[in-house]
Amino acid sequence: MKSKDICFKSTKEEVAKFFAEYFRINEDVYNNLIKEYISGDILPNLSQEDLSYLGLRKISIMKWENIMTKIKINLKEIK
């Protein structure tokens, strides 16, 4: 899965799959993303603390922030 495959309309399952494939998260983090209903419209609003609470490691959070700047347009609602 590539970063362009995740967008504002991505479901919680698609987001969890994206993180699993790109960041190789463990099953607990995968389940946390689904349980906390982290969908594409939520992602731009998550802080480092939120990501840490979900179980992401610091290195994954830093990688996510770099990716986020590249795909921010995909994560905004198009009106």
N, C-alpha and C. Protein backbone atom coordinates (compact mmCIF):
# COMPACT_ATOMS: atom_id res chain seq x y z
N MET A 1 0.85 -1.18 0.00
CA MET A 1 0.00 0.00 0.00
C MET A 1 0.89 1.24 0.00
N LYS A 2 0.55 2.21 -0.81
CA LYS A 2 1.33 3.43 -0.89
C LYS A 2 0.57 4.56 -0.22
N SER A 3 1.29 5.59 0.17
CA SER A 3 0.68 6.70 0.90
C SER A 3 -0.49 7.32 0.14
N LYS A 4 -0.44 7.29 -1.19
CA LYS A 4 -1.54 7.86 -1.95
C LYS A 4 -2.83 7.06 -1.79
N ASP A 5 -2.72 5.84 -1.28
CA ASP A 5 -3.89 4.99 -1.11
C ASP A 5 -4.71 5.32 0.13
N ILE A 6 -4.22 6.21 0.95
CA ILE A 6 -4.94 6.58 2.16
C ILE A 6 -5.46 8.00 1.95
N CYS A 7 -6.72 8.19 2.31
CA CYS A 7 -7.33 9.50 2.08
C CYS A 7 -8.37 9.79 3.16
N PHE A 8 -9.03 10.93 3.01
CA PHE A 8 -10.05 11.37 3.95
C PHE A 8 -11.14 10.32 4.13
N LYS A 9 -11.46 9.61 3.07
CA LYS A 9 -12.55 8.63 3.11
C LYS A 9 -12.11 7.24 3.56
N SER A 10 -10.85 7.06 3.89
CA SER A 10 -10.36 5.74 4.31
C SER A 10 -11.06 5.30 5.59
N THR A 11 -11.45 4.03 5.60
CA THR A 11 -12.11 3.46 6.77
C THR A 11 -11.07 3.15 7.85
N LYS A 12 -11.54 2.84 9.04
CA LYS A 12 -10.64 2.47 10.13
C LYS A 12 -9.84 1.22 9.76
N GLU A 13 -10.46 0.29 9.04
CA GLU A 13 -9.75 -0.92 8.62
C GLU A 13 -8.66 -0.60 7.60
N GLU A 14 -8.95 0.31 6.68
CA GLU A 14 -7.94 0.71 5.68
C GLU A 14 -6.78 1.44 6.34
N VAL A 15 -7.07 2.27 7.31
CA VAL A 15 -6.01 2.98 8.04
C VAL A 15 -5.15 1.99 8.80
N ALA A 16 -5.78 1.05 9.49
CA ALA A 16 -5.03 0.04 10.24
C ALA A 16 -4.15 -0.78 9.30
N LYS A 17 -4.69 -1.14 8.14
CA LYS A 17 -3.92 -1.92 7.16
C LYS A 17 -2.74 -1.09 6.64
N PHE A 18 -2.95 0.19 6.38
CA PHE A 18 -1.88 1.08 5.94
C PHE A 18 -0.75 1.11 6.96
N PHE A 19 -1.11 1.30 8.23
CA PHE A 19 -0.09 1.35 9.28
C PHE A 19 0.59 -0.01 9.44
N ALA A 20 -0.17 -1.09 9.30
CA ALA A 20 0.43 -2.42 9.43
C ALA A 20 1.45 -2.67 8.33
N GLU A 21 1.13 -2.28 7.12
CA GLU A 21 2.03 -2.53 6.00
C GLU A 21 3.20 -1.56 5.96
N TYR A 22 2.94 -0.29 6.25
CA TYR A 22 4.00 0.71 6.12
C TYR A 22 4.90 0.75 7.35
N PHE A 23 4.32 0.60 8.54
CA PHE A 23 5.08 0.73 9.78
C PHE A 23 5.33 -0.60 10.49
N ARG A 24 4.76 -1.65 9.94
CA ARG A 24 4.90 -2.99 10.54
C ARG A 24 4.53 -2.99 12.03
N ILE A 25 3.38 -2.42 12.31
CA ILE A 25 2.90 -2.37 13.69
C ILE A 25 2.49 -3.76 14.14
N ASN A 26 2.46 -3.95 15.45
CA ASN A 26 2.04 -5.25 15.98
C ASN A 26 0.51 -5.31 16.03
N GLU A 27 0.01 -6.48 16.36
CA GLU A 27 -1.43 -6.71 16.37
C GLU A 27 -2.16 -5.82 17.37
N ASP A 28 -1.53 -5.52 18.51
CA ASP A 28 -2.17 -4.66 19.51
C ASP A 28 -2.42 -3.26 18.95
N VAL A 29 -1.43 -2.70 18.27
CA VAL A 29 -1.58 -1.36 17.69
C VAL A 29 -2.63 -1.40 16.58
N TYR A 30 -2.59 -2.43 15.76
CA TYR A 30 -3.59 -2.62 14.71
C TYR A 30 -5.00 -2.61 15.30
N ASN A 31 -5.19 -3.38 16.35
CA ASN A 31 -6.50 -3.46 17.00
C ASN A 31 -6.89 -2.13 17.65
N ASN A 32 -5.91 -1.42 18.22
CA ASN A 32 -6.18 -0.11 18.83
C ASN A 32 -6.69 0.89 17.78
N LEU A 33 -6.09 0.88 16.60
CA LEU A 33 -6.52 1.78 15.54
C LEU A 33 -7.98 1.52 15.17
N ILE A 34 -8.35 0.27 15.13
CA ILE A 34 -9.74 -0.08 14.81
C ILE A 34 -10.66 0.22 15.98
N LYS A 35 -10.25 -0.18 17.17
CA LYS A 35 -11.08 0.03 18.37
C LYS A 35 -11.36 1.51 18.62
N GLU A 36 -10.36 2.36 18.38
CA GLU A 36 -10.52 3.80 18.60
C GLU A 36 -11.09 4.52 17.38
N TYR A 37 -11.47 3.74 16.38
CA TYR A 37 -12.11 4.23 15.16
C TYR A 37 -11.28 5.33 14.49
N ILE A 38 -10.01 5.01 14.20
CA ILE A 38 -9.11 5.96 13.55
C ILE A 38 -9.27 5.80 12.04
N SER A 39 -10.10 6.65 11.48
CA SER A 39 -10.34 6.63 10.04
C SER A 39 -9.58 7.79 9.39
N GLY A 40 -9.65 7.88 8.06
CA GLY A 40 -8.90 8.88 7.33
C GLY A 40 -9.22 10.31 7.71
N ASP A 41 -10.45 10.57 8.10
CA ASP A 41 -10.82 11.93 8.48
C ASP A 41 -10.28 12.32 9.85
N ILE A 42 -9.90 11.34 10.65
CA ILE A 42 -9.36 11.58 12.00
C ILE A 42 -7.85 11.80 11.97
N LEU A 43 -7.16 11.13 11.06
CA LEU A 43 -5.69 11.13 11.06
C LEU A 43 -5.03 12.51 11.15
N PRO A 44 -5.47 13.51 10.40
CA PRO A 44 -4.78 14.81 10.47
C PRO A 44 -4.86 15.47 11.84
N ASN A 45 -5.81 15.04 12.66
CA ASN A 45 -6.02 15.66 13.97
C ASN A 45 -5.27 14.97 15.11
N LEU A 46 -4.61 13.86 14.82
CA LEU A 46 -3.93 13.12 15.88
C LEU A 46 -2.60 13.78 16.26
N SER A 47 -2.37 13.89 17.55
CA SER A 47 -1.12 14.43 18.05
C SER A 47 -0.12 13.29 18.29
N GLN A 48 1.10 13.66 18.59
CA GLN A 48 2.10 12.65 18.94
C GLN A 48 1.65 11.85 20.14
N GLU A 49 1.02 12.52 21.08
CA GLU A 49 0.52 11.83 22.28
C GLU A 49 -0.56 10.81 21.93
N ASP A 50 -1.44 11.20 21.01
CA ASP A 50 -2.49 10.28 20.56
C ASP A 50 -1.88 9.03 19.92
N LEU A 51 -0.91 9.25 19.04
CA LEU A 51 -0.27 8.13 18.36
C LEU A 51 0.47 7.24 19.35
N SER A 52 1.09 7.86 20.34
CA SER A 52 1.78 7.10 21.37
C SER A 52 0.77 6.28 22.19
N TYR A 53 -0.36 6.88 22.52
CA TYR A 53 -1.42 6.19 23.25
C TYR A 53 -1.91 4.96 22.49
N LEU A 54 -1.96 5.08 21.16
CA LEU A 54 -2.39 3.96 20.32
C LEU A 54 -1.36 2.84 20.28
N GLY A 55 -0.13 3.15 20.71
CA GLY A 55 0.91 2.13 20.78
C GLY A 55 2.03 2.28 19.78
N LEU A 56 2.00 3.32 18.96
CA LEU A 56 3.08 3.50 18.00
C LEU A 56 4.36 3.89 18.71
N ARG A 57 5.46 3.36 18.20
CA ARG A 57 6.77 3.70 18.75
C ARG A 57 7.19 5.07 18.24
N LYS A 58 8.12 5.68 18.93
CA LYS A 58 8.57 7.03 18.58
C LYS A 58 9.06 7.12 17.14
N ILE A 59 9.80 6.13 16.68
CA ILE A 59 10.33 6.14 15.31
C ILE A 59 9.18 6.09 14.31
N SER A 60 8.14 5.33 14.60
CA SER A 60 6.98 5.26 13.71
C SER A 60 6.23 6.58 13.68
N ILE A 61 6.15 7.24 14.83
CA ILE A 61 5.48 8.54 14.90
C ILE A 61 6.24 9.56 14.05
N MET A 62 7.55 9.55 14.13
CA MET A 62 8.35 10.48 13.33
C MET A 62 8.18 10.18 11.84
N LYS A 63 8.17 8.91 11.46
CA LYS A 63 7.96 8.54 10.06
C LYS A 63 6.58 8.99 9.60
N TRP A 64 5.57 8.79 10.46
CA TRP A 64 4.21 9.20 10.12
C TRP A 64 4.15 10.71 9.88
N GLU A 65 4.81 11.48 10.70
CA GLU A 65 4.78 12.94 10.54
C GLU A 65 5.39 13.35 9.20
N ASN A 66 6.45 12.66 8.77
CA ASN A 66 7.05 12.95 7.47
C ASN A 66 6.09 12.59 6.33
N ILE A 67 5.44 11.45 6.45
CA ILE A 67 4.49 11.03 5.43
C ILE A 67 3.29 11.97 5.40
N MET A 68 2.86 12.36 6.58
CA MET A 68 1.68 13.21 6.71
C MET A 68 1.84 14.50 5.92
N THR A 69 3.02 15.09 5.93
CA THR A 69 3.23 16.32 5.18
C THR A 69 3.09 16.08 3.68
N LYS A 70 3.41 14.89 3.22
CA LYS A 70 3.33 14.57 1.79
C LYS A 70 1.90 14.25 1.35
N ILE A 71 1.08 13.72 2.23
CA ILE A 71 -0.25 13.27 1.83
C ILE A 71 -1.37 14.10 2.45
N LYS A 72 -1.03 15.21 3.04
CA LYS A 72 -2.03 16.02 3.73
C LYS A 72 -3.21 16.36 2.83
N ILE A 73 -2.95 16.62 1.57
CA ILE A 73 -4.03 16.96 0.64
C ILE A 73 -5.03 15.81 0.51
N ASN A 74 -4.57 14.58 0.58
CA ASN A 74 -5.46 13.41 0.48
C ASN A 74 -6.32 13.26 1.73
N LEU A 75 -5.85 13.83 2.84
CA LEU A 75 -6.55 13.65 4.10
C LEU A 75 -7.50 14.81 4.42
N LYS A 76 -7.59 15.77 3.51
CA LYS A 76 -8.53 16.87 3.69
C LYS A 76 -9.80 16.56 2.92
N GLU A 77 -10.89 16.96 3.51
CA GLU A 77 -12.18 16.75 2.85
C GLU A 77 -12.28 17.69 1.65
N ILE A 78 -12.63 17.15 0.52
CA ILE A 78 -12.82 17.96 -0.67
C ILE A 78 -14.27 18.38 -0.71
N LYS A 79 -14.49 19.67 -0.79
CA LYS A 79 -15.87 20.19 -0.78
C LYS A 79 -16.32 20.57 -2.16
